[in-house]
Every structure is written in C-alpha cells, then in structure tokens.
Amino acid sequence: MATLKSKTLFFTTSPRSPLKMIPEIRLLTDHFTGKVWNKITQVEFIELLSQDTHFEGQGSQRDLAFSARDRINRAPKALGFVNLKPTIQLTAAGEDFISEKRSEEALLRQLLKFQLPSPYHTEPLSKESVFWVKPYLEILRLIYTLEKVTFDEVMLYGLQLTDYREFDNIISKIKDFRSNKATYIGSYKKYLGEILDKELLAIFQKEIVNGNTVTRESNDASLSKFKKTKRSNLRDYTDACFRYLRATGLVSISYKGHSLSIMSEKLNEIKFILDTVEREPQFVDDEDKYKEYLFDASTPVLYTDNVEHLEEYILRHSSTTKKQLTGKTITELKDFRDRVINENKERIIAAEVKTLKSYSNYNDIIDMYNEIISEELYDIPLMLEWNTWRAMTMLDGGIINGNFKLDDSGQPLSTALGNTPDIVCDYGDFGLSVEVTMQSGQRQFESEGESVARHLANFKKTINKEAFCLFIAPRINKASVAFFFTLYKTNIAYYGGTSVIVPLELDVFMKMVENSYSAKFVPIPEHIKELFEFSKEVAAKSADETEWFAKVQEKAAHWLAV
C-alpha cells in the first residue's frame, strides 16, 4: 500500500502508452501466476522481461526488485488488471484488457474506477486530508463541461482537483485564467510562467514556509530547485493523464496537441458516464470489497453495453438494415460495430493517402517537422512517426504502413508497440523498414541500435525478399553510426546476415522530401533503392564509419539528382 503524500493529482507515467502494459501483464501472469510477489519473484520477473522482445526500458540495474514493482505495482495493480495478494493472479478486468479485442473499453472501465484514496492508496485521516476523487472521471467531466481544455490548464488547475467537491471552483479558476490571458500584455510563455509560479507557491505553501524543500531527486533545498522539480512533475502527470485518456478513444487531441476535447461521435457515451458513474470513492477502508469492485470486468456499465445504443450507432454509420441486426447479442453487436469503425477508418486513411500522393500536404509536413525540431508539439515521438509516414507516402511509390495506432477518426493515437518497425514500406521487389527517434547521445545507441537491427531482421523474414532500413533522428549519435557501419561488414545469423541500415539526420531527410516535391518527374521505388545500393558500395570502400556516414548524408540530400 502507498501512502498519499502528494498535494496534487498524480497519474501513472510508466508505461507512456497504457497498451504497452499488455505484453508485460501477459508475461507476468504466464510465468508467475500462483506465486508470491516478493523480492525473489520480482527479480525473476524483471530478468525475464529484459529478455523479452517487447521490452522497452532501462529500469534500475542496482535494484531489480524495485524495477519490477515500478512496472507492476503502479498501473497494472492500481488499475485492477492484476491481483498481487496473496498470490499473483490475472483479474477478470485484466483478462479483458490483454485479450486485445476491446482493450480500450477494458481500460476505460478501470480508469473510471481508479480513485484516491483507496485501500491501495491510503491517506491519514486528519483535517488536512486532500483526496476524495476519481481523477480520470473528473478530468473527463472537466473536458466535457468546458468543451475543451489545454495541456497548460490541466497542469495548472486540473491537477488541483483532488476533491471532486471542488469541481466548480476549478472551473472558475480555468475561466479566470482564460480571461486574464486575453488581456495580458506580454508573451503567453511569460504569462504561463507567472501563473505557474503563483500556483506552486499556493499549493506548497506549508512546505516552503517550514523549509521542507528538499526533493527526492536532489539534496538541493533551494526554492528555485524545488519549484523546478514540481513544475517537471506537473508536466509529467499531465502528459500521462492525456495519454491514458486518449487511449480510451473518447477524446481527441487538437492538431498541434495543445488541447483535449470530446470526440463528437462519443458525446453520448461521455454524458452517460458522467450521469451514471458514482463520483464518491468506494470501499476506502475495505480492501476485500474494493478488490471485488475493482476487478469486475463488467462495471461500470457503459453506454455501449446497451443493445439499442449499439444498433443506433451501426445503423447511422453503415448501410446495415435493422433486420440484419435482429437477434444479435451484445458481443456480436460490438464486433459488428468494431468492423464498421475499422471500415470507416480505412476509408479515411485511403483518402489521406490519395491527398498525400498529390503533394497537397507538402507544406504542412515540412511545417510539422520544423515544429518537431523546435519541440513545440505535444507527444513529439508520436508526431514524428506519423509525419514520417505521411512523408514516405508522399515522396515515392509503394504501399506505406505505419505501425502506430490511430483513433476512430484516423488521427494518431499512440506510437508503435515494441518489436515492430515504426513504418514498413512495400516496394514490390524489395521492402523498407523505417525507424524514427527523438533520442540523442549515447542513449540513442543504447535504446535504439540493437532493436533497429532486430526489427529489420524480423522484417526480412516476414516479407521473404530483400529489405533495407532507414533510421531517422534529429541528430545521429556516433555510436549508432559505428554500429550500423559494422553491420554492413559482418554476417550475423541472428540479424539475417549483413544489414543495410542508412542513418539520416532529420534535416537531411527533409531535403529528400523537398527534392521529391520540386523534382520535374515523379519518383519511383528504384530511386529509393539507389540510395541503399550506394550506401552498400560506399561502406565497402570507406576507410571508416565517419567517411561512410558523410557520403551517405550527401547522397541522400541530392537523391534525385540526375
């Protein structure tokens, strides 16, 4: 059990995408069901996880048991997907979640039940008790009531909604923030900084007055360090809140990711939730009853658990007749609805591809890359994957598929899950995997290097034909260059022989896109292949990786030169 010490709402920050919990929960319950969750099994789990192809993380090498608890005791346990006491068990809610049939629905039910305090998150009874809330439920209510909320508004005020009875007060604060912003003389960045400082001083007044400003991360007790740490925490929690709510499929994010709103097609679902889900925390002092409540896969009841509601959606979004739906069970209707959603999504994507191949979105793609470089977008890794899929679709022929997840309206939802390339391209007689990252420095090599080669090897096996890889990052680390260069010259069975991986810095790739747009002819797959053939030839002749890398960058920048 954790004791609540925070003064604001907090949300699980790991994993960044809730759907990435699925392979880890499956690994835990496949190998440890019926065992006691202690330091021995925790170390065994993290060692097993580190060997899994889906694993994406470093963890604490000094304390493996802590790393295991960090991954399991937070989101999987807190959201009721696993029961860790008296022994490890997959719950009914967890079974629905890891089935991957309707994981978003299973996740939604659990987010709506997550509460503070609870038998998992206890708070000492006192006049200073802070929490009495179901955080995700109230943030959804905030979005619905205000029609949209920005990232900064949630960070400043939404995280202060630690008691649902303060809801109206938080609404007033956000409205005042908006009004004052409209009349503020100066930049928005300056205005935000002033308001954030003011709110931090108010929230943590007691700690500051009493001199309790040493944070867990540092021995520095200065007020500036204290505020910097708290600002960072608030941003991380807001980011996590956005991601988990987005994963339910109920909310949409604005084009540049600065605000959340309810998807127009989901308004009835949200209204039903807000009207029917109990706002009061449940069974705060009774762990057995709380677990029974939390683990139940059928509660709370959702709008889409109703036959009439499902039929109404299907009839409105497809050419299906009422007669065709007669007699179908709830499960059959949900399957039918899911097919309708996927068919509509495919039509949206097909229309997007057609537009991209006409180069109509060229300026928009370049603008988005510039905003990614300046880090002005929300969820930059996701936007980098999605924008690169758009660019690859535009600049040449072939069938280009992104492994990132899209929402019902065809907008990017979450990055590709582990063990797959970010983007795969089918050019007929050869294939291309594309990997993108915002990582730089040594961390880039440690996090991406081996997985890029492994993804390419798996891709080659899957398509059973020649395949290459394009690795794109704002800056390419020297260790990554050396590793990729070595793979040209080393026959490694585990990687399917030698590996042809071309690392490109983002500004060079942007030049490739520009060349494609300004060319007097339409690029074809052979133009792409020429870049990789050139890279192989240069790798064979270059004295070292530095010479090879420089020549490949130069070639890519002029890849369509006649």
Foldseek 3Di string as FASTA:
>chain_A
DAEDDDLWDFAQLPPLAPLLLQVLLVLCCVPWFPHALDLVVQLVSQVVLVPDQQDFDDADPVRSSVSSCSSCVHPCVLLQQWDRPPHIDGFPLVVVLNVPPQNLLSLVQSLLQRAPPALSYDYDDDPPDQAWWSLLLLVLVVQAVVQKDFLLLCLQQSRNPRDVVCSVVSNVVSVVLVVCCVVDDDDPVVVSVVSLVVSVCVSCVVCVVVQVQQDPVDNDSDPVVSSVVSSVSSSSRSSSSVQSVLSSLQWDADPQRGMIGGDPVCPVQSVVCNVPRDTGNPPRPPNVVSSVVSRDSCPDPTPLQDLVSLVVQLVVQDVDDPVVSPPDHSVRSVVSSVVSLVVQLVVLVVVLLVCLQVVVCVVVLVVLVVCLVVVVGRPSVQSVLVSVLSLVSHQEDFDKDAQFDARSNNHGRGAHRGLAARMKTDQDQEIEGEHEDQDDDPVCCVRPQVSQLQNQLVVCVVVVHHYAYEYEYQDYYPVSLQSLLVLLVAQDVSSPGRHQYQYEHPVLQSLLSVCSVPDPDHHYVVLVVVLSVVLSVCSVVDPGSVSSNVVSSVCSNPSPPD
